[in-house]
Amino acid sequence: MLRGLYTAASGMITRQIQSENLSNNVSNINTPGYKKQKVVLKSFEEMIVQNKDKQIGNKNFKRNIGSLELGVGIADTVVDFGQGVLEKTDRNLDFAIDGNGFLY
């Protein structure tokens, strides 16, 4: 029962972080030069559930019951450095980089 609650909680926390990331991307959609971020998910390792109730003599023997998933988490947050939309402004001091590159 508790394992199921932990699995559900890890999923809810992950979804909350994803929705916060999405709202940050949407709120900055008109910010010049903003690069959106993507959340990369990972699953926790699968566990094998065993039962040791089989006893022959004084020895207990393991019997595999099945596997148990432990939920999902955040692996990384990645910035998308793809080319943005170029917009002509007709101002003398405005410029943009077309292609790969950064300004320092």
PDB file of N, CA and C in Angstrom:
ATOM      1  N   MET A   1       0.820  -1.193   0.000  1.00  0.00           N
ATOM      2  CA  MET A   1       0.000   0.000   0.000  1.00  0.00           C
ATOM      3  C   MET A   1       0.868   1.263   0.000  1.00  0.00           C
ATOM      4  N   LEU A   2       1.868   1.307   0.890  1.00  0.00           N
ATOM      5  CA  LEU A   2       2.712   2.497   0.962  1.00  0.00           C
ATOM      6  C   LEU A   2       3.547   2.684  -0.296  1.00  0.00           C
ATOM      7  N   ARG A   3       3.996   1.569  -0.895  1.00  0.00           N
ATOM      8  CA  ARG A   3       4.772   1.678  -2.128  1.00  0.00           C
ATOM      9  C   ARG A   3       3.941   2.333  -3.226  1.00  0.00           C
ATOM     10  N   GLY A   4       2.671   1.991  -3.290  1.00  0.00           N
ATOM     11  CA  GLY A   4       1.788   2.605  -4.277  1.00  0.00           C
ATOM     12  C   GLY A   4       1.628   4.094  -4.048  1.00  0.00           C
ATOM     13  N   LEU A   5       1.563   4.518  -2.788  1.00  0.00           N
ATOM     14  CA  LEU A   5       1.463   5.947  -2.482  1.00  0.00           C
ATOM     15  C   LEU A   5       2.742   6.682  -2.879  1.00  0.00           C
ATOM     16  N   TYR A   6       3.901   6.065  -2.624  1.00  0.00           N
ATOM     17  CA  TYR A   6       5.163   6.688  -3.023  1.00  0.00           C
ATOM     18  C   TYR A   6       5.267   6.795  -4.540  1.00  0.00           C
ATOM     19  N   THR A   7       4.817   5.777  -5.246  1.00  0.00           N
ATOM     20  CA  THR A   7       4.830   5.808  -6.707  1.00  0.00           C
ATOM     21  C   THR A   7       3.925   6.906  -7.226  1.00  0.00           C
ATOM     22  N   ALA A   8       2.722   7.013  -6.661  1.00  0.00           N
ATOM     23  CA  ALA A   8       1.786   8.063  -7.072  1.00  0.00           C
ATOM     24  C   ALA A   8       2.337   9.447  -6.741  1.00  0.00           C
ATOM     25  N   ALA A   9       2.971   9.592  -5.581  1.00  0.00           N
ATOM     26  CA  ALA A   9       3.528  10.885  -5.186  1.00  0.00           C
ATOM     27  C   ALA A   9       4.660  11.301  -6.115  1.00  0.00           C
ATOM     28  N   SER A  10       5.519  10.364  -6.504  1.00  0.00           N
ATOM     29  CA  SER A  10       6.615  10.714  -7.412  1.00  0.00           C
ATOM     30  C   SER A  10       6.058  11.138  -8.766  1.00  0.00           C
ATOM     31  N   GLY A  11       4.985  10.505  -9.221  1.00  0.00           N
ATOM     32  CA  GLY A  11       4.347  10.909 -10.472  1.00  0.00           C
ATOM     33  C   GLY A  11       3.730  12.290 -10.391  1.00  0.00           C
ATOM     34  N   MET A  12       3.087  12.601  -9.255  1.00  0.00           N
ATOM     35  CA  MET A  12       2.476  13.930  -9.086  1.00  0.00           C
ATOM     36  C   MET A  12       3.530  15.027  -9.029  1.00  0.00           C
ATOM     37  N   ILE A  13       4.628  14.775  -8.328  1.00  0.00           N
ATOM     38  CA  ILE A  13       5.702  15.770  -8.243  1.00  0.00           C
ATOM     39  C   ILE A  13       6.307  16.013  -9.618  1.00  0.00           C
ATOM     40  N   THR A  14       6.499  14.939 -10.377  1.00  0.00           N
ATOM     41  CA  THR A  14       7.055  15.059 -11.725  1.00  0.00           C
ATOM     42  C   THR A  14       6.131  15.864 -12.625  1.00  0.00           C
ATOM     43  N   ARG A  15       4.837  15.581 -12.575  1.00  0.00           N
ATOM     44  CA  ARG A  15       3.866  16.325 -13.387  1.00  0.00           C
ATOM     45  C   ARG A  15       3.791  17.793 -12.973  1.00  0.00           C
ATOM     46  N   GLN A  16       3.940  18.075 -11.687  1.00  0.00           N
ATOM     47  CA  GLN A  16       3.934  19.472 -11.225  1.00  0.00           C
ATOM     48  C   GLN A  16       5.127  20.224 -11.805  1.00  0.00           C
ATOM     49  N   ILE A  17       6.301  19.608 -11.794  1.00  0.00           N
ATOM     50  CA  ILE A  17       7.494  20.252 -12.348  1.00  0.00           C
ATOM     51  C   ILE A  17       7.336  20.453 -13.849  1.00  0.00           C
ATOM     52  N   GLN A  18       6.747  19.469 -14.540  1.00  0.00           N
ATOM     53  CA  GLN A  18       6.510  19.617 -15.976  1.00  0.00           C
ATOM     54  C   GLN A  18       5.547  20.771 -16.261  1.00  0.00           C
ATOM     55  N   SER A  19       4.484  20.899 -15.478  1.00  0.00           N
ATOM     56  CA  SER A  19       3.531  21.988 -15.726  1.00  0.00           C
ATOM     57  C   SER A  19       4.131  23.345 -15.381  1.00  0.00           C
ATOM     58  N   GLU A  20       4.981  23.418 -14.355  1.00  0.00           N
ATOM     59  CA  GLU A  20       5.671  24.671 -14.048  1.00  0.00           C
ATOM     60  C   GLU A  20       6.615  25.058 -15.179  1.00  0.00           C
ATOM     61  N   ASN A  21       7.307  24.085 -15.733  1.00  0.00           N
ATOM     62  CA  ASN A  21       8.207  24.342 -16.862  1.00  0.00           C
ATOM     63  C   ASN A  21       7.418  24.823 -18.078  1.00  0.00           C
ATOM     64  N   LEU A  22       6.285  24.191 -18.353  1.00  0.00           N
ATOM     65  CA  LEU A  22       5.446  24.589 -19.475  1.00  0.00           C
ATOM     66  C   LEU A  22       4.910  26.005 -19.285  1.00  0.00           C
ATOM     67  N   SER A  23       4.466  26.340 -18.076  1.00  0.00           N
ATOM     68  CA  SER A  23       3.949  27.695 -17.843  1.00  0.00           C
ATOM     69  C   SER A  23       5.058  28.732 -17.956  1.00  0.00           C
ATOM     70  N   ASN A  24       6.285  28.384 -17.573  1.00  0.00           N
ATOM     71  CA  ASN A  24       7.412  29.299 -17.742  1.00  0.00           C
ATOM     72  C   ASN A  24       7.709  29.521 -19.222  1.00  0.00           C
ATOM     73  N   ASN A  25       7.649  28.456 -20.019  1.00  0.00           N
ATOM     74  CA  ASN A  25       7.872  28.592 -21.458  1.00  0.00           C
ATOM     75  C   ASN A  25       6.785  29.448 -22.108  1.00  0.00           C
ATOM     76  N   VAL A  26       5.538  29.242 -21.713  1.00  0.00           N
ATOM     77  CA  VAL A  26       4.435  30.002 -22.299  1.00  0.00           C
ATOM     78  C   VAL A  26       4.493  31.472 -21.877  1.00  0.00           C
ATOM     79  N   SER A  27       4.847  31.731 -20.626  1.00  0.00           N
ATOM     80  CA  SER A  27       4.898  33.121 -20.169  1.00  0.00           C
ATOM     81  C   SER A  27       6.041  33.908 -20.814  1.00  0.00           C
ATOM     82  N   ASN A  28       7.063  33.223 -21.301  1.00  0.00           N
ATOM     83  CA  ASN A  28       8.193  33.897 -21.948  1.00  0.00           C
ATOM     84  C   ASN A  28       8.173  33.780 -23.462  1.00  0.00           C
ATOM     85  N   ILE A  29       7.035  33.440 -24.034  1.00  0.00           N
ATOM     86  CA  ILE A  29       6.961  33.199 -25.476  1.00  0.00           C
ATOM     87  C   ILE A  29       7.278  34.454 -26.289  1.00  0.00           C
ATOM     88  N   ASN A  30       6.991  35.625 -25.760  1.00  0.00           N
ATOM     89  CA  ASN A  30       7.261  36.872 -26.477  1.00  0.00           C
ATOM     90  C   ASN A  30       8.538  37.570 -26.010  1.00  0.00           C
ATOM     91  N   THR A  31       9.312  36.950 -25.139  1.00  0.00           N
ATOM     92  CA  THR A  31      10.567  37.527 -24.672  1.00  0.00           C
ATOM     93  C   THR A  31      11.641  37.321 -25.741  1.00  0.00           C
ATOM     94  N   PRO A  32      12.258  38.402 -26.225  1.00  0.00           N
ATOM     95  CA  PRO A  32      13.290  38.246 -27.256  1.00  0.00           C
ATOM     96  C   PRO A  32      14.481  37.441 -26.734  1.00  0.00           C
ATOM     97  N   GLY A  33      14.908  36.467 -27.501  1.00  0.00           N
ATOM     98  CA  GLY A  33      16.081  35.677 -27.148  1.00  0.00           C
ATOM     99  C   GLY A  33      15.821  34.556 -26.159  1.00  0.00           C
ATOM    100  N   TYR A  34      14.587  34.373 -25.712  1.00  0.00           N
ATOM    101  CA  TYR A  34      14.301  33.308 -24.748  1.00  0.00           C
ATOM    102  C   TYR A  34      14.383  31.943 -25.426  1.00  0.00           C
ATOM    103  N   LYS A  35      15.018  30.999 -24.774  1.00  0.00           N
ATOM    104  CA  LYS A  35      15.119  29.626 -25.266  1.00  0.00           C
ATOM    105  C   LYS A  35      14.307  28.726 -24.338  1.00  0.00           C
ATOM    106  N   LYS A  36      13.394  27.956 -24.914  1.00  0.00           N
ATOM    107  CA  LYS A  36      12.532  27.108 -24.093  1.00  0.00           C
ATOM    108  C   LYS A  36      13.316  25.961 -23.489  1.00  0.00           C
ATOM    109  N   GLN A  37      12.803  25.476 -22.376  1.00  0.00           N
ATOM    110  CA  GLN A  37      13.418  24.355 -21.684  1.00  0.00           C
ATOM    111  C   GLN A  37      12.516  23.131 -21.790  1.00  0.00           C
ATOM    112  N   LYS A  38      13.142  21.965 -21.814  1.00  0.00           N
ATOM    113  CA  LYS A  38      12.422  20.701 -21.850  1.00  0.00           C
ATOM    114  C   LYS A  38      12.828  19.879 -20.640  1.00  0.00           C
ATOM    115  N   VAL A  39      11.859  19.201 -20.038  1.00  0.00           N
ATOM    116  CA  VAL A  39      12.113  18.336 -18.892  1.00  0.00           C
ATOM    117  C   VAL A  39      12.302  16.911 -19.399  1.00  0.00           C
ATOM    118  N   VAL A  40      13.403  16.287 -18.997  1.00  0.00           N
ATOM    119  CA  VAL A  40      13.702  14.903 -19.379  1.00  0.00           C
ATOM    120  C   VAL A  40      13.376  14.011 -18.188  1.00  0.00           C
ATOM    121  N   LEU A  41      12.562  12.988 -18.426  1.00  0.00           N
ATOM    122  CA  LEU A  41      12.119  12.100 -17.352  1.00  0.00           C
ATOM    123  C   LEU A  41      12.951  10.829 -17.319  1.00  0.00           C
ATOM    124  N   LYS A  42      12.981  10.209 -16.155  1.00  0.00           N
ATOM    125  CA  LYS A  42      13.627   8.903 -15.994  1.00  0.00           C
ATOM    126  C   LYS A  42      12.732   8.053 -15.100  1.00  0.00           C
ATOM    127  N   SER A  43      12.769   6.771 -15.316  1.00  0.00           N
ATOM    128  CA  SER A  43      12.026   5.875 -14.430  1.00  0.00           C
ATOM    129  C   SER A  43      12.999   5.280 -13.418  1.00  0.00           C
ATOM    130  N   PHE A  44      12.505   5.079 -12.223  1.00  0.00           N
ATOM    131  CA  PHE A  44      13.337   4.459 -11.201  1.00  0.00           C
ATOM    132  C   PHE A  44      13.497   2.980 -11.528  1.00  0.00           C
ATOM    133  N   GLU A  45      14.501   2.376 -10.983  1.00  0.00           N
ATOM    134  CA  GLU A  45      14.772   0.976 -11.297  1.00  0.00           C
ATOM    135  C   GLU A  45      13.628   0.081 -10.844  1.00  0.00           C
ATOM    136  N   GLU A  46      13.387  -0.943 -11.636  1.00  0.00           N
ATOM    137  CA  GLU A  46      12.350  -1.917 -11.330  1.00  0.00           C
ATOM    138  C   GLU A  46      12.875  -2.882 -10.271  1.00  0.00           C
ATOM    139  N   MET A  47      12.026  -3.240  -9.332  1.00  0.00           N
ATOM    140  CA  MET A  47      12.422  -4.166  -8.276  1.00  0.00           C
ATOM    141  C   MET A  47      11.749  -5.512  -8.508  1.00  0.00           C
ATOM    142  N   ILE A  48      12.448  -6.572  -8.180  1.00  0.00           N
ATOM    143  CA  ILE A  48      11.883  -7.916  -8.223  1.00  0.00           C
ATOM    144  C   ILE A  48      11.353  -8.238  -6.827  1.00  0.00           C
ATOM    145  N   VAL A  49      10.092  -8.611  -6.747  1.00  0.00           N
ATOM    146  CA  VAL A  49       9.475  -8.964  -5.466  1.00  0.00           C
ATOM    147  C   VAL A  49       9.582 -10.476  -5.305  1.00  0.00           C
ATOM    148  N   GLN A  50      10.112 -10.866  -4.126  1.00  0.00           N
ATOM    149  CA  GLN A  50      10.319 -12.290  -3.862  1.00  0.00           C
ATOM    150  C   GLN A  50       9.626 -12.693  -2.566  1.00  0.00           C
ATOM    151  N   ASN A  51       9.285 -13.951  -2.498  1.00  0.00           N
ATOM    152  CA  ASN A  51       8.682 -14.521  -1.313  1.00  0.00           C
ATOM    153  C   ASN A  51       9.584 -15.658  -0.846  1.00  0.00           C
ATOM    154  N   LYS A  52       9.868 -15.706   0.453  1.00  0.00           N
ATOM    155  CA  LYS A  52      10.752 -16.741   0.999  1.00  0.00           C
ATOM    156  C   LYS A  52       9.986 -17.691   1.919  1.00  0.00           C
ATOM    157  N   ASP A  53       8.734 -17.965   1.578  1.00  0.00           N
ATOM    158  CA  ASP A  53       7.929 -18.800   2.467  1.00  0.00           C
ATOM    159  C   ASP A  53       8.077 -20.297   2.203  1.00  0.00           C
ATOM    160  N   LYS A  54       8.725 -20.672   1.104  1.00  0.00           N
ATOM    161  CA  LYS A  54       8.922 -22.087   0.806  1.00  0.00           C
ATOM    162  C   LYS A  54      10.076 -22.608   1.650  1.00  0.00           C
ATOM    163  N   GLN A  55       9.790 -23.567   2.483  1.00  0.00           N
ATOM    164  CA  GLN A  55      10.805 -24.070   3.391  1.00  0.00           C
ATOM    165  C   GLN A  55      10.898 -25.580   3.242  1.00  0.00           C
ATOM    166  N   ILE A  56      12.117 -26.042   3.022  1.00  0.00           N
ATOM    167  CA  ILE A  56      12.395 -27.477   2.968  1.00  0.00           C
ATOM    168  C   ILE A  56      13.477 -27.757   3.994  1.00  0.00           C
ATOM    169  N   GLY A  57      13.122 -28.495   5.003  1.00  0.00           N
ATOM    170  CA  GLY A  57      14.056 -28.733   6.101  1.00  0.00           C
ATOM    171  C   GLY A  57      14.239 -27.434   6.877  1.00  0.00           C
ATOM    172  N   ASN A  58      15.478 -27.023   7.031  1.00  0.00           N
ATOM    173  CA  ASN A  58      15.778 -25.768   7.726  1.00  0.00           C
ATOM    174  C   ASN A  58      16.122 -24.640   6.764  1.00  0.00           C
ATOM    175  N   LYS A  59      15.914 -24.845   5.467  1.00  0.00           N
ATOM    176  CA  LYS A  59      16.280 -23.839   4.473  1.00  0.00           C
ATOM    177  C   LYS A  59      15.045 -23.186   3.890  1.00  0.00           C
ATOM    178  N   ASN A  60      15.134 -21.860   3.715  1.00  0.00           N
ATOM    179  CA  ASN A  60      14.088 -21.104   3.024  1.00  0.00           C
ATOM    180  C   ASN A  60      14.517 -20.895   1.577  1.00  0.00           C
ATOM    181  N   PHE A  61      13.568 -21.028   0.655  1.00  0.00           N
ATOM    182  CA  PHE A  61      13.855 -20.849  -0.755  1.00  0.00           C
ATOM    183  C   PHE A  61      13.065 -19.649  -1.283  1.00  0.00           C
ATOM    184  N   LYS A  62      13.714 -18.892  -2.164  1.00  0.00           N
ATOM    185  CA  LYS A  62      13.078 -17.707  -2.741  1.00  0.00           C
ATOM    186  C   LYS A  62      12.215 -18.102  -3.924  1.00  0.00           C
ATOM    187  N   ARG A  63      11.088 -17.388  -4.044  1.00  0.00           N
ATOM    188  CA  ARG A  63      10.208 -17.573  -5.189  1.00  0.00           C
ATOM    189  C   ARG A  63       9.875 -16.182  -5.713  1.00  0.00           C
ATOM    190  N   ASN A  64      10.176 -15.933  -6.990  1.00  0.00           N
ATOM    191  CA  ASN A  64       9.886 -14.630  -7.588  1.00  0.00           C
ATOM    192  C   ASN A  64       8.379 -14.484  -7.781  1.00  0.00           C
ATOM    193  N   ILE A  65       7.833 -13.393  -7.249  1.00  0.00           N
ATOM    194  CA  ILE A  65       6.405 -13.110  -7.397  1.00  0.00           C
ATOM    195  C   ILE A  65       6.157 -12.252  -8.623  1.00  0.00           C
ATOM    196  N   GLY A  66       7.027 -11.290  -8.853  1.00  0.00           N
ATOM    197  CA  GLY A  66       6.872 -10.400 -10.002  1.00  0.00           C
ATOM    198  C   GLY A  66       7.740  -9.176  -9.843  1.00  0.00           C
ATOM    199  N   SER A  67       7.451  -8.155 -10.620  1.00  0.00           N
ATOM    200  CA  SER A  67       8.246  -6.928 -10.561  1.00  0.00           C
ATOM    201  C   SER A  67       7.384  -5.789 -10.039  1.00  0.00           C
ATOM    202  N   LEU A  68       8.055  -4.757  -9.553  1.00  0.00           N
ATOM    203  CA  LEU A  68       7.377  -3.602  -8.980  1.00  0.00           C
ATOM    204  C   LEU A  68       8.036  -2.342  -9.513  1.00  0.00           C
ATOM    205  N   GLU A  69       7.265  -1.473 -10.142  1.00  0.00           N
ATOM    206  CA  GLU A  69       7.757  -0.178 -10.623  1.00  0.00           C
ATOM    207  C   GLU A  69       7.717   0.816  -9.466  1.00  0.00           C
ATOM    208  N   LEU A  70       8.716   1.684  -9.387  1.00  0.00           N
ATOM    209  CA  LEU A  70       8.789   2.635  -8.284  1.00  0.00           C
ATOM    210  C   LEU A  70       8.561   4.077  -8.714  1.00  0.00           C
ATOM    211  N   GLY A  71       8.045   4.290  -9.893  1.00  0.00           N
ATOM    212  CA  GLY A  71       7.671   5.643 -10.278  1.00  0.00           C
ATOM    213  C   GLY A  71       8.633   6.281 -11.248  1.00  0.00           C
ATOM    214  N   VAL A  72       8.496   7.602 -11.349  1.00  0.00           N
ATOM    215  CA  VAL A  72       9.239   8.376 -12.330  1.00  0.00           C
ATOM    216  C   VAL A  72       9.811   9.612 -11.644  1.00  0.00           C
ATOM    217  N   GLY A  73      10.913  10.119 -12.189  1.00  0.00           N
ATOM    218  CA  GLY A  73      11.540  11.314 -11.648  1.00  0.00           C
ATOM    219  C   GLY A  73      12.104  12.174 -12.759  1.00  0.00           C
ATOM    220  N   ILE A  74      12.678  13.296 -12.380  1.00  0.00           N
ATOM    221  CA  ILE A  74      13.276  14.228 -13.325  1.00  0.00           C
ATOM    222  C   ILE A  74      14.742  13.865 -13.497  1.00  0.00           C
ATOM    223  N   ALA A  75      15.141  13.597 -14.742  1.00  0.00           N
ATOM    224  CA  ALA A  75      16.546  13.288 -15.028  1.00  0.00           C
ATOM    225  C   ALA A  75      17.336  14.561 -15.278  1.00  0.00           C
ATOM    226  N   ASP A  76      16.759  15.489 -16.049  1.00  0.00           N
ATOM    227  CA  ASP A  76      17.492  16.690 -16.424  1.00  0.00           C
ATOM    228  C   ASP A  76      16.528  17.706 -17.013  1.00  0.00           C
ATOM    229  N   THR A  77      16.957  18.933 -17.070  1.00  0.00           N
ATOM    230  CA  THR A  77      16.242  19.990 -17.781  1.00  0.00           C
ATOM    231  C   THR A  77      17.175  20.494 -18.873  1.00  0.00           C
ATOM    232  N   VAL A  78      16.715  20.437 -20.114  1.00  0.00           N
ATOM    233  CA  VAL A  78      17.552  20.743 -21.267  1.00  0.00           C
ATOM    234  C   VAL A  78      17.026  21.997 -21.952  1.00  0.00           C
ATOM    235  N   VAL A  79      17.931  22.897 -22.320  1.00  0.00           N
ATOM    236  CA  VAL A  79      17.571  24.111 -23.050  1.00  0.00           C
ATOM    237  C   VAL A  79      17.623  23.819 -24.545  1.00  0.00           C
ATOM    238  N   ASP A  80      16.578  24.216 -25.269  1.00  0.00           N
ATOM    239  CA  ASP A  80      16.514  24.031 -26.717  1.00  0.00           C
ATOM    240  C   ASP A  80      17.191  25.234 -27.380  1.00  0.00           C
ATOM    241  N   PHE A  81      18.352  25.001 -27.996  1.00  0.00           N
ATOM    242  CA  PHE A  81      19.115  26.073 -28.625  1.00  0.00           C
ATOM    243  C   PHE A  81      18.823  26.191 -30.117  1.00  0.00           C
ATOM    244  N   GLY A  82      17.643  25.794 -30.548  1.00  0.00           N
ATOM    245  CA  GLY A  82      17.270  25.891 -31.956  1.00  0.00           C
ATOM    246  C   GLY A  82      17.119  27.332 -32.409  1.00  0.00           C
ATOM    247  N   GLN A  83      17.172  27.527 -33.720  1.00  0.00           N
ATOM    248  CA  GLN A  83      17.049  28.858 -34.305  1.00  0.00           C
ATOM    249  C   GLN A  83      15.658  29.427 -34.046  1.00  0.00           C
ATOM    250  N   GLY A  84      15.614  30.653 -33.593  1.00  0.00           N
ATOM    251  CA  GLY A  84      14.346  31.344 -33.396  1.00  0.00           C
ATOM    252  C   GLY A  84      13.893  32.041 -34.661  1.00  0.00           C
ATOM    253  N   VAL A  85      12.773  32.723 -34.575  1.00  0.00           N
ATOM    254  CA  VAL A  85      12.215  33.441 -35.716  1.00  0.00           C
ATOM    255  C   VAL A  85      12.916  34.797 -35.836  1.00  0.00           C
ATOM    256  N   LEU A  86      13.388  35.130 -37.034  1.00  0.00           N
ATOM    257  CA  LEU A  86      14.006  36.430 -37.267  1.00  0.00           C
ATOM    258  C   LEU A  86      12.916  37.433 -37.628  1.00  0.00           C
ATOM    259  N   GLU A  87      13.029  38.625 -37.053  1.00  0.00           N
ATOM    260  CA  GLU A  87      12.018  39.656 -37.262  1.00  0.00           C
ATOM    261  C   GLU A  87      12.700  40.945 -37.707  1.00  0.00           C
ATOM    262  N   LYS A  88      12.276  41.490 -38.812  1.00  0.00           N
ATOM    263  CA  LYS A  88      12.859  42.726 -39.330  1.00  0.00           C
ATOM    264  C   LYS A  88      12.280  43.904 -38.548  1.00  0.00           C
ATOM    265  N   THR A  89      13.179  44.784 -38.054  1.00  0.00           N
ATOM    266  CA  THR A  89      12.735  45.929 -37.245  1.00  0.00           C
ATOM    267  C   THR A  89      13.011  47.276 -37.902  1.00  0.00           C
ATOM    268  N   ASP A  90      13.901  47.340 -38.894  1.00  0.00           N
ATOM    269  CA  ASP A  90      14.289  48.580 -39.577  1.00  0.00           C
ATOM    270  C   ASP A  90      14.906  49.609 -38.632  1.00  0.00           C
ATOM    271  N   ARG A  91      15.503  49.144 -37.545  1.00  0.00           N
ATOM    272  CA  ARG A  91      16.240  50.034 -36.631  1.00  0.00           C
ATOM    273  C   ARG A  91      17.730  49.814 -36.840  1.00  0.00           C
ATOM    274  N   ASN A  92      18.528  50.868 -36.745  1.00  0.00           N
ATOM    275  CA  ASN A  92      19.955  50.815 -37.064  1.00  0.00           C
ATOM    276  C   ASN A  92      20.760  49.939 -36.108  1.00  0.00           C
ATOM    277  N   LEU A  93      20.384  49.873 -34.848  1.00  0.00           N
ATOM    278  CA  LEU A  93      21.192  49.157 -33.861  1.00  0.00           C
ATOM    279  C   LEU A  93      20.704  47.738 -33.593  1.00  0.00           C
ATOM    280  N   ASP A  94      19.653  47.283 -34.260  1.00  0.00           N
ATOM    281  CA  ASP A  94      19.152  45.921 -34.068  1.00  0.00           C
ATOM    282  C   ASP A  94      19.860  44.972 -35.021  1.00  0.00           C
ATOM    283  N   PHE A  95      20.220  43.780 -34.516  1.00  0.00           N
ATOM    284  CA  PHE A  95      20.844  42.768 -35.356  1.00  0.00           C
ATOM    285  C   PHE A  95      20.452  41.387 -34.835  1.00  0.00           C
ATOM    286  N   ALA A  96      20.670  40.370 -35.645  1.00  0.00           N
ATOM    287  CA  ALA A  96      20.371  38.986 -35.274  1.00  0.00           C
ATOM    288  C   ALA A  96      21.401  38.074 -35.911  1.00  0.00           C
ATOM    289  N   ILE A  97      21.584  36.912 -35.320  1.00  0.00           N
ATOM    290  CA  ILE A  97      22.486  35.913 -35.855  1.00  0.00           C
ATOM    291  C   ILE A  97      21.649  34.883 -36.582  1.00  0.00           C
ATOM    292  N   ASP A  98      21.953  34.680 -37.858  1.00  0.00           N
ATOM    293  CA  ASP A  98      21.258  33.680 -38.647  1.00  0.00           C
ATOM    294  C   ASP A  98      22.132  32.437 -38.731  1.00  0.00           C
ATOM    295  N   GLY A  99      21.747  31.355 -38.057  1.00  0.00           N
ATOM    296  CA  GLY A  99      22.544  30.139 -38.025  1.00  0.00           C
ATOM    297  C   GLY A  99      23.105  29.897 -36.628  1.00  0.00           C
ATOM    298  N   ASN A 100      24.161  29.098 -36.537  1.00  0.00           N
ATOM    299  CA  ASN A 100      24.755  28.763 -35.246  1.00  0.00           C
ATOM    300  C   ASN A 100      25.605  29.916 -34.727  1.00  0.00           C
ATOM    301  N   GLY A 101      25.531  30.170 -33.425  1.00  0.00           N
ATOM    302  CA  GLY A 101      26.371  31.192 -32.819  1.00  0.00           C
ATOM    303  C   GLY A 101      25.753  31.784 -31.578  1.00  0.00           C
ATOM    304  N   PHE A 102      26.610  32.441 -30.787  1.00  0.00           N
ATOM    305  CA  PHE A 102      26.209  33.136 -29.565  1.00  0.00           C
ATOM    306  C   PHE A 102      26.867  34.490 -29.518  1.00  0.00           C
ATOM    307  N   LEU A 103      26.279  35.405 -28.771  1.00  0.00           N
ATOM    308  CA  LEU A 103      26.891  36.704 -28.497  1.00  0.00           C
ATOM    309  C   LEU A 103      27.486  36.665 -27.101  1.00  0.00           C
ATOM    310  N   TYR A 104      28.691  37.175 -26.970  1.00  0.00           N
ATOM    311  CA  TYR A 104      29.342  37.245 -25.655  1.00  0.00           C
ATOM    312  C   TYR A 104      29.346  38.651 -25.155  1.00  0.00           C
TER     313      TYR A 104
END
